[in-house]
Amino acid sequence: MKNKQKRQKPVFVDDGRTIADMDCEAITGYKSKEERKRHEELRSLNLSKKERRAIYFGVFKYFMPYFLCFLFVFVSLLVIMYFGMRG
């Protein structure tokens, strides 16, 4: 019987070269230059955790009545449709 030698796979070494420009708008997570600039401006404010939480809580309090109205109307329509389909 012949001794078969296993073929060794060549080891891939990443040299860091870019073959194609991968910065395109169709990719998820892409940020345009304007978005990146706006994001950096927000980062430069250096808000503390307490300040950020206060901002989030204020926005939450502002939109809560609208959300509750939407939820009430949605549930009301579901109830009306349920009893309308039964009868």
Protein backbone atom coordinates (compact mmCIF):
# COMPACT_ATOMS: atom_id res chain seq x y z
CA MET A 1 0.00 0.00 0.00
CA LYS A 2 1.08 3.48 -0.78
CA ASN A 3 1.56 6.04 1.94
CA LYS A 4 -0.59 9.03 1.20
CA GLN A 5 0.72 12.37 2.27
CA LYS A 6 -1.82 14.84 3.57
CA ARG A 7 -1.84 18.11 1.74
CA GLN A 8 -1.03 21.03 3.96
CA LYS A 9 -3.35 24.01 3.60
CA PRO A 10 -1.47 27.24 3.17
CA VAL A 11 -1.78 29.48 6.22
CA PHE A 12 -3.68 32.68 5.47
CA VAL A 13 -1.89 35.80 6.61
CA ASP A 14 -3.87 39.04 6.59
CA ASP A 15 -1.63 41.87 5.45
CA GLY A 16 -4.33 44.55 5.95
CA ARG A 17 -4.80 45.54 2.31
CA THR A 18 -8.25 46.56 1.14
CA ILE A 19 -9.32 45.10 -2.18
CA ALA A 20 -12.55 47.08 -2.55
CA ASP A 21 -14.09 50.11 -0.87
CA MET A 22 -16.62 48.66 1.58
CA ASP A 23 -18.07 52.01 2.64
CA CYS A 24 -21.43 52.14 0.88
CA GLU A 25 -24.90 53.29 1.86
CA ALA A 26 -26.60 49.92 1.31
CA ILE A 27 -24.74 48.25 4.17
CA THR A 28 -26.53 48.11 7.53
CA GLY A 29 -24.94 50.44 10.04
CA TYR A 30 -23.64 52.86 7.43
CA LYS A 31 -23.37 56.44 8.63
CA SER A 32 -22.99 59.28 6.18
CA LYS A 33 -20.49 62.06 6.84
CA GLU A 34 -23.26 64.31 8.16
CA GLU A 35 -24.44 61.63 10.60
CA ARG A 36 -20.89 61.00 11.77
CA LYS A 37 -20.37 64.74 12.29
CA ARG A 38 -23.60 65.06 14.29
CA HIS A 39 -22.67 62.00 16.37
CA GLU A 40 -19.26 63.47 17.16
CA GLU A 41 -20.88 66.78 18.16
CA LEU A 42 -23.12 64.91 20.62
CA ARG A 43 -20.11 63.03 21.98
CA SER A 44 -18.23 66.28 22.46
CA LEU A 45 -20.91 67.50 24.93
CA ASN A 46 -19.48 65.10 27.56
CA LEU A 47 -22.78 64.51 29.34
CA SER A 48 -22.67 62.49 32.54
CA LYS A 49 -24.85 59.42 33.10
CA LYS A 50 -27.11 61.42 35.37
CA GLU A 51 -27.62 64.15 32.73
CA ARG A 52 -28.31 61.59 29.98
CA ARG A 53 -30.84 59.79 32.17
CA ALA A 54 -32.55 63.10 32.93
CA ILE A 55 -32.82 63.80 29.18
CA TYR A 56 -34.23 60.32 28.47
CA PHE A 57 -36.72 60.64 31.34
CA GLY A 58 -37.86 64.06 30.08
CA VAL A 59 -38.43 62.72 26.57
CA PHE A 60 -40.22 59.70 28.03
CA LYS A 61 -42.54 61.95 30.05
CA TYR A 62 -43.22 64.13 27.01
CA PHE A 63 -44.26 61.26 24.71
CA MET A 64 -46.05 59.08 27.28
CA PRO A 65 -49.53 60.75 26.90
CA TYR A 66 -49.37 60.31 23.11
CA PHE A 67 -48.35 56.68 23.49
CA LEU A 68 -51.14 55.99 26.00
CA CYS A 69 -53.73 57.62 23.69
CA PHE A 70 -52.50 55.51 20.78
CA LEU A 71 -52.62 52.38 22.92
CA PHE A 72 -56.15 53.19 24.15
CA VAL A 73 -57.45 53.76 20.60
CA PHE A 74 -55.73 50.59 19.34
CA VAL A 75 -57.20 48.41 22.08
CA SER A 76 -60.62 50.03 21.63
CA LEU A 77 -60.58 49.23 17.92
CA LEU A 78 -59.59 45.63 18.64
CA VAL A 79 -62.48 45.28 21.10
CA ILE A 80 -64.96 46.84 18.65
CA MET A 81 -63.74 44.55 15.85
CA TYR A 82 -63.95 41.48 18.14
CA PHE A 83 -67.54 42.14 19.16
CA GLY A 84 -68.45 43.24 15.64
CA MET A 85 -67.27 39.96 14.13
CA ARG A 86 -69.15 37.90 16.75
CA GLY A 87 -72.54 39.40 16.13
